[in-house]
Amino acid sequence: MAISRIALALAATTMMAGGGAALARNPMVGGAAMYETKNIVENAANSKDHTTLVAAVKAAGLVDTLASPGPFTVFAPTNDAFAKLPAGTVDTLLKPESKAALTGVLTYHVVPGRLTAADIAAQARANGGKAVLTTVQGATITVWEKDGAWYVTDAKGGKAKIGPADVIQSNGVIHVIDAVLLPA
């Protein structure tokens, strides 16, 4: 598959933001417009689909980091993604005594640099169909395409679907995902 077709397939997922249509450049996420002039934290705080993620980022003390110039690529789980975790997991992770574990989970969703859908598709093409990305946490995640949809697989074999992709921020890019990634 040509790189342009892969990039188009990944970029097409940007139209799936909770049924919202894409803006001129960025999609609506969680019923809110995403602005390229705002940073990751500012935009995520406006998405009603990411309130759990925002609470977790605050509890882990990562607000200043994710508001810094970066750049960062964030695979951002929705509230529904967090709800798929076993009962009590989120509440436990948000406790002060779980800050290290929470930080590990959250930084596993962040890759240094700004990797757009086209960048990821090019890496996948160059690597036999899979882009292996090293997270800020230190472990890897794998991004791949199947039947026109793009997915990310974690160290435990868990899979999340990407969509929307390419939510451009002043300090990076967000790719919304439908499951929480877990490091080994």
Protein backbone atom coordinates (compact mmCIF):
# COMPACT_ATOMS: atom_id res chain seq x y z
CA MET A 1 0.00 0.00 0.00
CA ALA A 2 1.44 3.38 -0.93
CA ILE A 3 2.37 5.74 1.89
CA SER A 4 -0.23 8.24 0.73
CA ARG A 5 -2.98 5.60 0.95
CA ILE A 6 -1.83 4.57 4.44
CA ALA A 7 -1.73 8.20 5.57
CA LEU A 8 -5.18 8.80 4.10
CA ALA A 9 -6.57 5.74 5.87
CA LEU A 10 -5.16 6.90 9.20
CA ALA A 11 -6.22 10.48 8.61
CA ALA A 12 -9.73 9.28 7.73
CA THR A 13 -10.16 8.24 11.34
CA THR A 14 -10.17 11.94 12.22
CA MET A 15 -13.79 12.06 11.10
CA MET A 16 -14.87 9.73 13.91
CA ALA A 17 -14.65 12.06 16.94
CA GLY A 18 -17.79 11.03 18.76
CA GLY A 19 -19.79 11.47 15.57
CA GLY A 20 -18.55 15.03 15.13
CA ALA A 21 -17.29 16.35 11.86
CA ALA A 22 -13.78 17.57 11.35
CA LEU A 23 -13.06 21.26 11.48
CA ALA A 24 -10.97 22.88 8.78
CA ARG A 25 -7.93 21.14 10.26
CA ASN A 26 -8.67 19.61 13.66
CA PRO A 27 -11.63 17.40 14.53
CA MET A 28 -14.09 18.04 17.33
CA VAL A 29 -13.18 15.88 20.32
CA GLY A 30 -15.58 15.28 23.16
CA GLY A 31 -17.93 17.91 21.78
CA ALA A 32 -15.26 20.61 21.88
CA ALA A 33 -13.24 22.31 19.20
CA MET A 34 -9.54 21.53 19.38
CA TYR A 35 -7.28 24.50 18.67
CA GLU A 36 -3.78 24.26 17.22
CA THR A 37 -2.87 27.33 19.29
CA LYS A 38 -3.60 25.54 22.60
CA ASN A 39 -1.40 22.96 24.26
CA ILE A 40 -2.25 19.33 25.02
CA VAL A 41 -3.54 20.04 28.53
CA GLU A 42 -5.67 23.03 27.48
CA ASN A 43 -7.37 21.12 24.67
CA ALA A 44 -7.84 17.89 26.65
CA ALA A 45 -9.43 19.85 29.49
CA ASN A 46 -12.14 21.04 27.07
CA SER A 47 -13.04 17.52 25.87
CA LYS A 48 -15.90 15.96 27.83
CA ASP A 49 -14.61 12.57 26.58
CA HIS A 50 -11.29 13.02 28.39
CA THR A 51 -12.24 14.07 31.94
CA THR A 52 -10.76 10.89 33.43
CA LEU A 53 -7.51 11.41 31.53
CA VAL A 54 -7.29 15.02 32.69
CA ALA A 55 -7.95 13.98 36.31
CA ALA A 56 -5.23 11.34 36.00
CA VAL A 57 -2.74 13.81 34.50
CA LYS A 58 -3.42 16.15 37.44
CA ALA A 59 -3.10 13.35 40.02
CA ALA A 60 0.21 12.25 38.49
CA GLY A 61 1.57 15.80 38.53
CA LEU A 62 2.08 15.81 34.75
CA VAL A 63 0.16 19.00 33.91
CA ASP A 64 3.25 21.22 33.68
CA THR A 65 5.11 18.63 31.61
CA LEU A 66 2.30 18.18 29.07
CA ALA A 67 1.76 21.95 28.92
CA SER A 68 5.47 22.53 28.18
CA PRO A 69 6.76 23.16 24.65
CA GLY A 70 7.38 19.45 24.03
CA PRO A 71 6.70 18.35 21.40
CA PHE A 72 4.76 15.25 22.38
CA THR A 73 2.62 12.67 20.65
CA VAL A 74 -0.14 11.52 23.01
CA PHE A 75 -2.32 8.47 22.50
CA ALA A 76 -5.24 9.76 24.59
CA PRO A 77 -7.70 7.23 26.04
CA THR A 78 -11.30 8.36 26.34
CA ASN A 79 -13.45 8.07 29.46
CA ASP A 80 -15.00 4.94 27.89
CA ALA A 81 -11.49 3.49 27.53
CA PHE A 82 -10.83 3.97 31.25
CA ALA A 83 -14.26 2.46 32.03
CA LYS A 84 -13.15 -0.80 30.33
CA LEU A 85 -10.51 -1.34 33.04
CA PRO A 86 -11.42 -3.71 35.88
CA ALA A 87 -13.70 -2.14 38.51
CA GLY A 88 -11.82 0.02 40.99
CA THR A 89 -8.66 0.35 38.85
CA VAL A 90 -9.07 4.04 38.09
CA ASP A 91 -9.99 4.91 41.68
CA THR A 92 -6.92 3.03 42.92
CA LEU A 93 -4.61 4.71 40.39
CA LEU A 94 -5.88 8.17 41.36
CA LYS A 95 -4.89 7.68 45.03
CA PRO A 96 -1.75 9.57 46.14
CA GLU A 97 -0.01 6.33 47.09
CA SER A 98 -0.42 5.10 43.48
CA LYS A 99 1.22 8.15 41.88
CA ALA A 100 4.25 6.19 40.58
CA ALA A 101 2.05 3.51 38.96
CA LEU A 102 -0.26 6.15 37.49
CA THR A 103 2.70 8.10 36.12
CA GLY A 104 4.00 4.91 34.50
CA VAL A 105 0.68 4.21 32.81
CA LEU A 106 0.25 7.80 31.60
CA THR A 107 3.80 8.23 30.29
CA TYR A 108 3.31 4.94 28.41
CA HIS A 109 0.78 6.87 26.28
CA VAL A 110 3.28 9.60 25.35
CA VAL A 111 5.94 9.46 22.63
CA PRO A 112 8.57 12.20 22.35
CA GLY A 113 8.19 14.39 19.26
CA ARG A 114 5.27 15.27 17.02
CA LEU A 115 4.26 12.19 15.04
CA THR A 116 1.35 12.80 12.71
CA ALA A 117 -0.67 10.07 11.01
CA ALA A 118 1.50 10.47 7.92
CA ASP A 119 4.69 10.12 10.01
CA ILE A 120 3.40 6.96 11.67
CA ALA A 121 2.24 5.53 8.34
CA ALA A 122 5.68 6.18 6.83
CA GLN A 123 7.36 4.42 9.77
CA ALA A 124 4.98 1.49 9.41
CA ARG A 125 5.70 1.26 5.68
CA ALA A 126 9.45 1.31 6.31
CA ASN A 127 9.11 -1.39 8.97
CA GLY A 128 7.01 -4.04 7.25
CA GLY A 129 3.64 -2.57 8.20
CA LYS A 130 4.26 -1.77 11.87
CA ALA A 131 5.59 1.36 13.53
CA VAL A 132 7.32 0.55 16.80
CA LEU A 133 7.45 3.66 19.00
CA THR A 134 9.36 4.16 22.23
CA THR A 135 7.29 5.90 24.88
CA VAL A 136 8.40 8.41 27.50
CA GLN A 137 7.89 5.58 30.03
CA GLY A 138 10.67 3.68 28.21
CA ALA A 139 8.79 0.73 26.75
CA THR A 140 7.45 0.39 23.21
CA ILE A 141 4.02 0.43 21.60
CA THR A 142 3.26 -0.80 18.09
CA VAL A 143 1.02 1.00 15.61
CA TRP A 144 -0.42 -0.94 12.68
CA GLU A 145 -3.22 -0.92 10.11
CA LYS A 146 -5.89 -3.47 9.33
CA ASP A 147 -8.77 -3.05 6.91
CA GLY A 148 -8.33 0.72 6.75
CA ALA A 149 -8.35 1.23 10.52
CA TRP A 150 -5.29 1.94 12.65
CA TYR A 151 -4.53 0.37 16.01
CA VAL A 152 -1.92 0.56 18.75
CA THR A 153 -0.83 -2.53 20.68
CA ASP A 154 0.70 -2.36 24.16
CA ALA A 155 3.35 -4.56 25.79
CA LYS A 156 0.69 -6.91 27.18
CA GLY A 157 -0.95 -7.46 23.79
CA GLY A 158 -3.85 -5.10 24.51
CA LYS A 159 -5.19 -3.29 21.47
CA ALA A 160 -6.70 0.19 21.06
CA LYS A 161 -8.28 1.64 17.93
CA ILE A 162 -7.10 5.10 16.90
CA GLY A 163 -9.69 7.71 16.04
CA PRO A 164 -9.65 10.56 15.60
CA ALA A 165 -6.00 10.98 14.69
CA ASP A 166 -3.99 14.14 14.08
CA VAL A 167 -5.53 16.43 16.67
CA ILE A 168 -2.82 19.07 16.31
CA GLN A 169 -1.70 20.98 19.43
CA SER A 170 0.73 23.86 19.91
CA ASN A 171 3.11 21.41 21.60
CA GLY A 172 2.43 18.19 19.72
CA VAL A 173 -0.36 15.99 18.47
CA ILE A 174 -3.04 13.81 20.05
CA HIS A 175 -4.36 10.56 18.62
CA VAL A 176 -7.53 9.55 20.49
CA ILE A 177 -7.75 5.84 21.40
CA ASP A 178 -10.53 3.61 22.69
CA ALA A 179 -8.56 1.58 25.27
CA VAL A 180 -5.96 2.23 27.95
CA LEU A 181 -2.47 0.99 27.07
CA LEU A 182 -0.66 -0.93 29.77
CA PRO A 183 3.10 -1.35 30.06
CA ALA A 184 4.57 -4.76 30.88
